[in-house]
Amino acid sequence: MRTSSRATGSASAGTSRRRTALAVLVFVLAVVAFDRIFFTALQLAQPPVDRRSELRKKLEGLPDKRQHRMLILGTSRTFEAVHPAYIARELGIRSYKEAFQGKGPRYNYEFYQLYERVVGRPKWVIYGVDYFLFEITSEQWAMDRFNMRADARGGGQMRGGVLLTLANKPTDDRTIVRALEALQERMVVPSGHQFDAEKNPADMDAYLGPDVYQPTRREIPVTFDPKPFPPFPGAEGRYFARLLEQWRAEGVGVMLIYTPDYVRVHERNYEHGKAVACFRRLIQNHPNCVFIDYCDPRKFPLYRASFFEEGGRPIAVNSHLSKYGVVEFNRLFIPDLRRFIQGSEQRVDY
């Protein structure tokens, strides 16, 4: 009887374990299935804005096209650092800025082809380069303007993993934000002018930078993983090289600039010297190009928190100048830009 009772108990325990294992397996499969469905839905939810015709219309609507002698390209770091208003006020030169988040070298290459056809060839180009320039790919919402697919979903190389939504969280977050913004635009009745520097060239001309981050009293000590420099050509570096070759052939003066990083980001990007050497090497056979590194504590106070949008934040993986930092930056940048314009046909060692 005892043997039979033990056997029955063992069988019951075994059945219970199998049921538990089966329940866990079903739960895991359900989570993975939901992740794939939600991930696919996010991929399809990219707001279909700013198609080719709308971008062309934006460029065609520029007043006094021949007066736009300078073109400004780059990512969000350049968007926050280089401003047409300063250039117009100090140098009397009209410039067009296309720099914005999500626009990698491929976007800039395709944009320049369209810009040259519609607006004309600029005399000078300011291109803001970044530590991560050869790591990023242009986001899909941006490549939609040319009816092209990005090299990978959402502009960032799609990462694999068990849970794709979690693996691609930064891209997914931007997709959700843009979808909500598009929904808000449809639901909210505009009252007066709605400021949008990305879509409205007049707003871009007037924009002078963001406010500084206000740190709280209790700041968490900063911790980060050191980031090596992503080497050329990376994801879209070939398009960057094509632009350099095209500008050399066309005789366009090119000023590559590396804008300042907040000290915490500068310390994280520990191979900054390698990045500088890479950019200098890429233009060594381009007499129309110069490169200036402003991310140098001997030139710019990288430690000054009020000069950066992320200044004082406990964790910072990217860096953007605040409107106060822009003022300080332009004390260096404008004189260098003036020298570059005056001697753009000569190589200048900065």
Protein backbone atom coordinates (compact mmCIF):
# COMPACT_ATOMS: atom_id res chain seq x y z
CA MET A 1 0.00 0.00 0.00
CA ARG A 2 2.80 2.42 0.90
CA THR A 3 4.61 1.66 -2.39
CA SER A 4 1.42 2.26 -4.34
CA SER A 5 0.81 5.51 -2.44
CA ARG A 6 4.35 6.73 -3.19
CA ALA A 7 3.96 5.85 -6.88
CA THR A 8 0.66 7.71 -7.06
CA GLY A 9 2.23 10.73 -5.33
CA SER A 10 5.23 10.70 -7.68
CA ALA A 11 2.97 10.48 -10.72
CA SER A 12 0.87 13.34 -9.41
CA ALA A 13 3.96 15.48 -8.76
CA GLY A 14 5.28 14.69 -12.22
CA THR A 15 1.99 15.68 -13.80
CA SER A 16 1.97 18.92 -11.81
CA ARG A 17 5.50 19.78 -12.96
CA ARG A 18 4.59 19.06 -16.56
CA ARG A 19 1.52 21.27 -16.29
CA THR A 20 3.61 24.05 -14.76
CA ALA A 21 6.26 23.72 -17.46
CA LEU A 22 3.56 23.72 -20.14
CA ALA A 23 1.95 26.82 -18.63
CA VAL A 24 5.31 28.61 -18.53
CA LEU A 25 5.99 27.59 -22.15
CA VAL A 26 2.58 28.82 -23.29
CA PHE A 27 3.13 32.11 -21.42
CA VAL A 28 6.57 32.62 -22.99
CA LEU A 29 5.25 31.83 -26.48
CA ALA A 30 2.35 34.22 -25.93
CA VAL A 31 4.72 37.00 -24.87
CA VAL A 32 6.97 36.40 -27.90
CA ALA A 33 3.95 36.29 -30.23
CA PHE A 34 2.56 39.54 -28.78
CA ASP A 35 6.02 41.11 -29.10
CA ARG A 36 6.18 40.20 -32.81
CA ILE A 37 2.67 41.52 -33.44
CA PHE A 38 3.31 44.77 -31.56
CA PHE A 39 6.71 45.20 -33.24
CA THR A 40 5.16 44.73 -36.69
CA ALA A 41 2.40 47.19 -35.81
CA LEU A 42 4.99 49.80 -34.81
CA GLN A 43 6.85 49.22 -38.05
CA LEU A 44 3.67 49.87 -40.01
CA ALA A 45 2.75 52.86 -37.87
CA GLN A 46 5.51 55.12 -39.16
CA PRO A 47 3.61 58.38 -39.85
CA PRO A 48 3.58 58.89 -43.64
CA VAL A 49 4.62 62.54 -43.55
CA ASP A 50 6.85 64.73 -45.70
CA ARG A 51 6.85 62.68 -48.88
CA ARG A 52 9.01 63.70 -51.82
CA SER A 53 6.46 66.14 -53.24
CA GLU A 54 6.13 67.92 -49.88
CA LEU A 55 9.89 68.27 -49.47
CA ARG A 56 10.20 69.60 -53.02
CA LYS A 57 7.34 72.02 -52.33
CA LYS A 58 9.14 73.20 -49.19
CA LEU A 59 12.31 73.91 -51.18
CA GLU A 60 10.46 75.48 -54.08
CA GLY A 61 8.74 77.83 -51.64
CA LEU A 62 12.03 79.31 -50.39
CA PRO A 63 12.14 83.05 -51.09
CA ASP A 64 15.23 84.39 -52.87
CA LYS A 65 16.74 81.00 -53.59
CA ARG A 66 19.93 82.50 -54.97
CA GLN A 67 20.53 84.20 -51.64
CA HIS A 68 20.89 80.84 -49.86
CA ARG A 69 24.62 80.50 -50.44
CA MET A 70 25.28 78.25 -47.45
CA LEU A 71 23.84 74.82 -46.59
CA ILE A 72 23.95 73.32 -43.09
CA LEU A 73 23.72 69.53 -42.67
CA GLY A 74 23.99 67.17 -39.71
CA THR A 75 22.05 65.52 -36.92
CA SER A 76 20.31 66.96 -33.85
CA ARG A 77 23.67 68.10 -32.45
CA THR A 78 24.16 70.40 -35.42
CA PHE A 79 20.51 71.46 -35.26
CA GLU A 80 21.08 72.76 -31.72
CA ALA A 81 24.53 74.27 -32.35
CA VAL A 82 24.57 76.03 -35.75
CA HIS A 83 21.91 78.67 -36.40
CA PRO A 84 21.23 80.66 -39.58
CA ALA A 85 20.25 83.70 -37.48
CA TYR A 86 23.77 84.04 -36.07
CA ILE A 87 25.37 83.58 -39.49
CA ALA A 88 23.08 86.16 -41.10
CA ARG A 89 23.60 88.67 -38.31
CA GLU A 90 27.37 88.35 -38.05
CA LEU A 91 28.35 87.58 -41.65
CA GLY A 92 25.40 88.78 -43.72
CA ILE A 93 25.06 85.37 -45.39
CA ARG A 94 21.74 83.59 -45.90
CA SER A 95 21.90 79.88 -45.07
CA TYR A 96 19.54 76.94 -45.24
CA LYS A 97 19.63 74.42 -42.39
CA GLU A 98 18.45 70.85 -42.88
CA ALA A 99 20.17 69.36 -39.82
CA PHE A 100 17.83 67.37 -37.58
CA GLN A 101 17.51 64.16 -35.60
CA GLY A 102 17.31 61.00 -37.70
CA LYS A 103 19.18 62.39 -40.71
CA GLY A 104 22.28 60.33 -41.33
CA PRO A 105 24.77 60.51 -44.22
CA ARG A 106 22.43 58.73 -46.63
CA TYR A 107 19.62 61.20 -46.03
CA ASN A 108 22.02 64.11 -46.44
CA TYR A 109 23.30 62.67 -49.71
CA GLU A 110 19.81 62.26 -51.17
CA PHE A 111 18.73 65.65 -49.84
CA TYR A 112 21.68 67.41 -51.42
CA GLN A 113 20.84 65.99 -54.87
CA LEU A 114 17.31 67.39 -54.57
CA TYR A 115 18.46 70.68 -53.03
CA GLU A 116 20.93 71.29 -55.84
CA ARG A 117 18.24 70.72 -58.49
CA VAL A 118 15.58 72.87 -56.83
CA VAL A 119 17.47 75.62 -55.00
CA GLY A 120 20.87 75.52 -56.67
CA ARG A 121 24.42 74.68 -55.77
CA PRO A 122 25.55 76.30 -52.50
CA LYS A 123 28.88 78.07 -52.29
CA TRP A 124 29.63 76.62 -48.88
CA VAL A 125 28.47 73.64 -46.79
CA ILE A 126 28.72 73.29 -43.03
CA TYR A 127 28.50 69.62 -42.06
CA GLY A 128 28.30 68.73 -38.37
CA VAL A 129 30.03 65.40 -37.76
CA ASP A 130 29.49 63.23 -34.69
CA TYR A 131 31.26 60.51 -32.76
CA PHE A 132 28.48 58.13 -33.84
CA LEU A 133 28.32 59.31 -37.49
CA PHE A 134 29.31 55.97 -38.98
CA GLU A 135 27.10 53.98 -36.63
CA ILE A 136 23.72 55.55 -37.41
CA THR A 137 21.46 54.99 -40.38
CA SER A 138 18.89 57.50 -41.57
CA GLU A 139 15.48 56.89 -40.05
CA GLN A 140 12.62 55.66 -42.18
CA TRP A 141 10.44 58.74 -41.65
CA ALA A 142 13.25 60.79 -43.18
CA MET A 143 13.87 58.44 -46.12
CA ASP A 144 10.13 58.46 -46.82
CA ARG A 145 10.73 61.92 -48.24
CA PHE A 146 12.50 60.28 -51.16
CA ASN A 147 10.15 57.29 -51.38
CA MET A 148 13.05 55.10 -50.30
CA ARG A 149 13.43 52.40 -47.72
CA ALA A 150 16.04 52.97 -45.07
CA ASP A 151 18.89 50.48 -44.93
CA ALA A 152 17.17 49.10 -41.84
CA ARG A 153 13.93 49.72 -40.02
CA GLY A 154 13.46 53.10 -38.44
CA GLY A 155 16.85 54.36 -39.46
CA GLY A 156 18.71 52.28 -36.90
CA GLN A 157 19.96 48.85 -37.77
CA MET A 158 17.26 46.51 -36.55
CA ARG A 159 18.53 44.51 -33.60
CA GLY A 160 17.67 40.90 -33.09
CA GLY A 161 16.72 39.15 -29.91
CA VAL A 162 13.93 37.24 -28.27
CA LEU A 163 11.90 40.42 -27.73
CA LEU A 164 12.33 42.70 -30.75
CA THR A 165 10.33 45.55 -29.21
CA LEU A 166 12.71 45.72 -26.25
CA ALA A 167 15.83 45.25 -28.41
CA ASN A 168 14.79 48.19 -30.61
CA LYS A 169 13.39 50.36 -27.83
CA PRO A 170 14.99 53.72 -28.86
CA THR A 171 13.60 53.43 -32.39
CA ASP A 172 10.24 52.20 -31.14
CA ASP A 173 10.00 55.12 -28.70
CA ARG A 174 10.53 57.61 -31.53
CA THR A 175 7.93 55.82 -33.65
CA ILE A 176 5.35 56.04 -30.87
CA VAL A 177 6.13 59.72 -30.24
CA ARG A 178 5.81 60.57 -33.93
CA ALA A 179 2.55 58.62 -34.21
CA LEU A 180 1.12 60.51 -31.22
CA GLU A 181 2.30 63.81 -32.69
CA ALA A 182 0.63 62.99 -36.00
CA LEU A 183 -2.59 62.08 -34.15
CA GLN A 184 -2.43 65.31 -32.17
CA GLU A 185 -2.03 67.34 -35.36
CA ARG A 186 -5.24 65.83 -36.69
CA MET A 187 -7.21 66.35 -33.48
CA VAL A 188 -6.06 69.78 -32.34
CA VAL A 189 -7.35 72.84 -34.15
CA PRO A 190 -4.36 75.17 -34.53
CA SER A 191 -4.70 78.61 -32.96
CA GLY A 192 -2.28 80.97 -34.64
CA HIS A 193 1.20 79.99 -35.78
CA GLN A 194 2.50 76.58 -34.67
CA PHE A 195 6.30 76.68 -34.32
CA ASP A 196 7.96 73.82 -36.23
CA ALA A 197 11.60 74.40 -37.14
CA GLU A 198 11.82 71.12 -39.06
CA LYS A 199 8.91 71.85 -41.42
CA ASN A 200 8.97 75.64 -41.61
CA PRO A 201 12.18 77.30 -42.92
CA ALA A 202 11.20 80.62 -41.31
CA ASP A 203 11.03 78.92 -37.90
CA MET A 204 14.38 77.26 -38.56
CA ASP A 205 15.88 80.66 -39.34
CA ALA A 206 14.56 82.11 -36.07
CA TYR A 207 15.46 79.20 -33.76
CA LEU A 208 18.35 79.86 -31.37
CA GLY A 209 18.57 76.70 -29.25
CA PRO A 210 16.91 74.93 -26.30
CA ASP A 211 16.76 75.87 -22.64
CA VAL A 212 19.21 74.29 -20.24
CA TYR A 213 18.28 71.24 -18.19
CA GLN A 214 17.43 72.13 -14.59
CA PRO A 215 19.01 69.51 -12.30
CA THR A 216 17.15 68.29 -9.25
CA ARG A 217 18.61 68.49 -5.76
CA ARG A 218 19.27 64.77 -5.62
CA GLU A 219 21.35 63.68 -8.58
CA ILE A 220 22.25 60.04 -9.09
CA PRO A 221 26.01 59.53 -9.57
CA VAL A 222 26.79 59.12 -13.26
CA THR A 223 27.62 55.66 -14.57
CA PHE A 224 28.16 54.72 -18.19
CA ASP A 225 29.91 52.19 -20.39
CA PRO A 226 32.87 53.59 -22.35
CA LYS A 227 32.01 53.76 -26.05
CA PRO A 228 34.62 53.03 -28.73
CA PHE A 229 34.58 55.07 -31.94
CA PRO A 230 32.55 53.33 -34.69
CA PRO A 231 35.00 53.14 -37.60
CA PHE A 232 34.46 54.35 -41.17
CA PRO A 233 32.56 53.44 -43.31
CA GLY A 234 30.08 51.78 -40.97
CA ALA A 235 26.40 51.90 -41.86
CA GLU A 236 26.26 54.92 -44.18
CA GLY A 237 29.80 56.25 -44.38
CA ARG A 238 29.95 55.56 -48.12
CA TYR A 239 27.32 58.27 -48.66
CA PHE A 240 29.39 60.69 -46.61
CA ALA A 241 32.40 59.90 -48.81
CA ARG A 242 30.29 60.41 -51.95
CA LEU A 243 29.26 63.84 -50.76
CA LEU A 244 32.87 64.82 -50.10
CA GLU A 245 33.83 63.68 -53.60
CA GLN A 246 30.89 65.50 -55.17
CA TRP A 247 31.68 68.74 -53.35
CA ARG A 248 35.32 68.52 -54.38
CA ALA A 249 34.30 68.05 -58.03
CA GLU A 250 31.84 70.94 -57.81
CA GLY A 251 34.23 73.28 -56.02
CA VAL A 252 31.95 73.69 -53.00
CA GLY A 253 33.74 74.85 -49.86
CA VAL A 254 33.12 72.39 -47.00
CA MET A 255 33.57 73.02 -43.30
CA LEU A 256 33.31 69.89 -41.15
CA ILE A 257 32.77 70.73 -37.49
CA TYR A 258 32.64 68.61 -34.37
CA THR A 259 30.52 70.56 -31.88
CA PRO A 260 31.26 70.41 -28.12
CA ASP A 261 30.17 67.46 -25.99
CA TYR A 262 29.18 67.76 -22.36
CA VAL A 263 32.09 66.52 -20.25
CA ARG A 264 30.31 63.30 -19.22
CA VAL A 265 29.67 62.41 -22.85
CA HIS A 266 33.21 63.41 -23.81
CA GLU A 267 34.60 61.06 -21.16
CA ARG A 268 32.33 58.27 -22.36
CA ASN A 269 33.54 58.76 -25.94
CA TYR A 270 37.07 57.88 -24.92
CA GLU A 271 38.35 57.47 -28.50
CA HIS A 272 37.64 61.06 -29.47
CA GLY A 273 41.18 61.41 -30.77
CA LYS A 274 40.62 58.49 -33.12
CA ALA A 275 37.43 60.15 -34.40
CA VAL A 276 39.28 63.41 -35.08
CA ALA A 277 42.05 61.55 -36.91
CA CYS A 278 39.45 59.72 -39.02
CA PHE A 279 37.74 62.92 -40.16
CA ARG A 280 41.05 64.58 -40.94
CA ARG A 281 42.11 61.56 -42.96
CA LEU A 282 38.87 61.58 -44.97
CA ILE A 283 39.48 65.13 -46.20
CA GLN A 284 43.25 65.03 -46.65
CA ASN A 285 42.88 64.93 -50.45
CA HIS A 286 40.09 67.52 -50.52
CA PRO A 287 41.58 71.02 -50.75
CA ASN A 288 38.07 72.48 -50.55
CA CYS A 289 37.51 71.02 -47.04
CA VAL A 290 38.54 71.95 -43.53
CA PHE A 291 37.81 70.21 -40.24
CA ILE A 292 37.51 71.96 -36.87
CA ASP A 293 37.20 70.15 -33.56
CA TYR A 294 35.35 72.25 -30.98
CA CYS A 295 35.06 69.37 -28.52
CA ASP A 296 38.32 70.37 -26.89
CA PRO A 297 38.41 71.51 -23.24
CA ARG A 298 41.21 73.91 -24.19
CA LYS A 299 38.78 75.70 -26.53
CA PHE A 300 35.37 75.23 -24.95
CA PRO A 301 34.33 74.69 -21.29
CA LEU A 302 32.89 71.18 -21.65
CA TYR A 303 32.26 71.03 -17.90
CA ARG A 304 29.86 74.02 -17.85
CA ALA A 305 26.48 72.34 -17.29
CA SER A 306 24.44 75.41 -18.29
CA PHE A 307 26.01 75.30 -21.76
CA PHE A 308 24.38 71.96 -22.55
CA GLU A 309 20.83 70.72 -22.82
CA GLU A 310 21.91 67.61 -20.89
CA GLY A 311 24.08 69.56 -18.47
CA GLY A 312 23.75 68.22 -14.92
CA ARG A 313 21.90 65.08 -15.91
CA PRO A 314 23.08 61.95 -14.10
CA ILE A 315 23.19 59.93 -17.33
CA ALA A 316 24.00 61.42 -20.72
CA VAL A 317 24.87 59.42 -23.84
CA ASN A 318 24.51 62.30 -26.30
CA SER A 319 25.11 66.01 -26.03
CA HIS A 320 23.41 69.16 -27.38
CA LEU A 321 24.27 72.79 -26.76
CA SER A 322 21.77 74.91 -24.88
CA LYS A 323 20.96 78.46 -26.02
CA TYR A 324 23.58 79.67 -23.52
CA GLY A 325 26.13 77.25 -24.91
CA VAL A 326 25.30 78.44 -28.43
CA VAL A 327 26.30 82.00 -27.47
CA GLU A 328 29.67 80.78 -26.19
CA PHE A 329 30.13 78.43 -29.15
CA ASN A 330 29.54 81.22 -31.66
CA ARG A 331 32.36 83.25 -30.12
CA LEU A 332 34.62 80.57 -31.55
CA PHE A 333 32.64 79.40 -34.54
CA ILE A 334 31.76 82.69 -36.25
CA PRO A 335 35.37 83.97 -36.46
CA ASP A 336 36.46 80.55 -37.79
CA LEU A 337 33.62 80.58 -40.30
CA ARG A 338 34.62 84.06 -41.45
CA ARG A 339 38.21 82.91 -41.97
CA PHE A 340 36.97 79.85 -43.84
CA ILE A 341 34.79 81.92 -46.17
CA GLN A 342 37.56 84.41 -46.84
CA GLY A 343 40.05 81.70 -47.72
CA SER A 344 37.77 78.80 -48.70
CA GLU A 345 39.98 77.91 -51.67
CA GLN A 346 42.97 77.43 -49.39
CA ARG A 347 43.62 74.74 -46.83
CA VAL A 348 43.69 76.26 -43.35
CA ASP A 349 45.12 74.40 -40.35
CA TYR A 350 42.78 74.98 -37.41
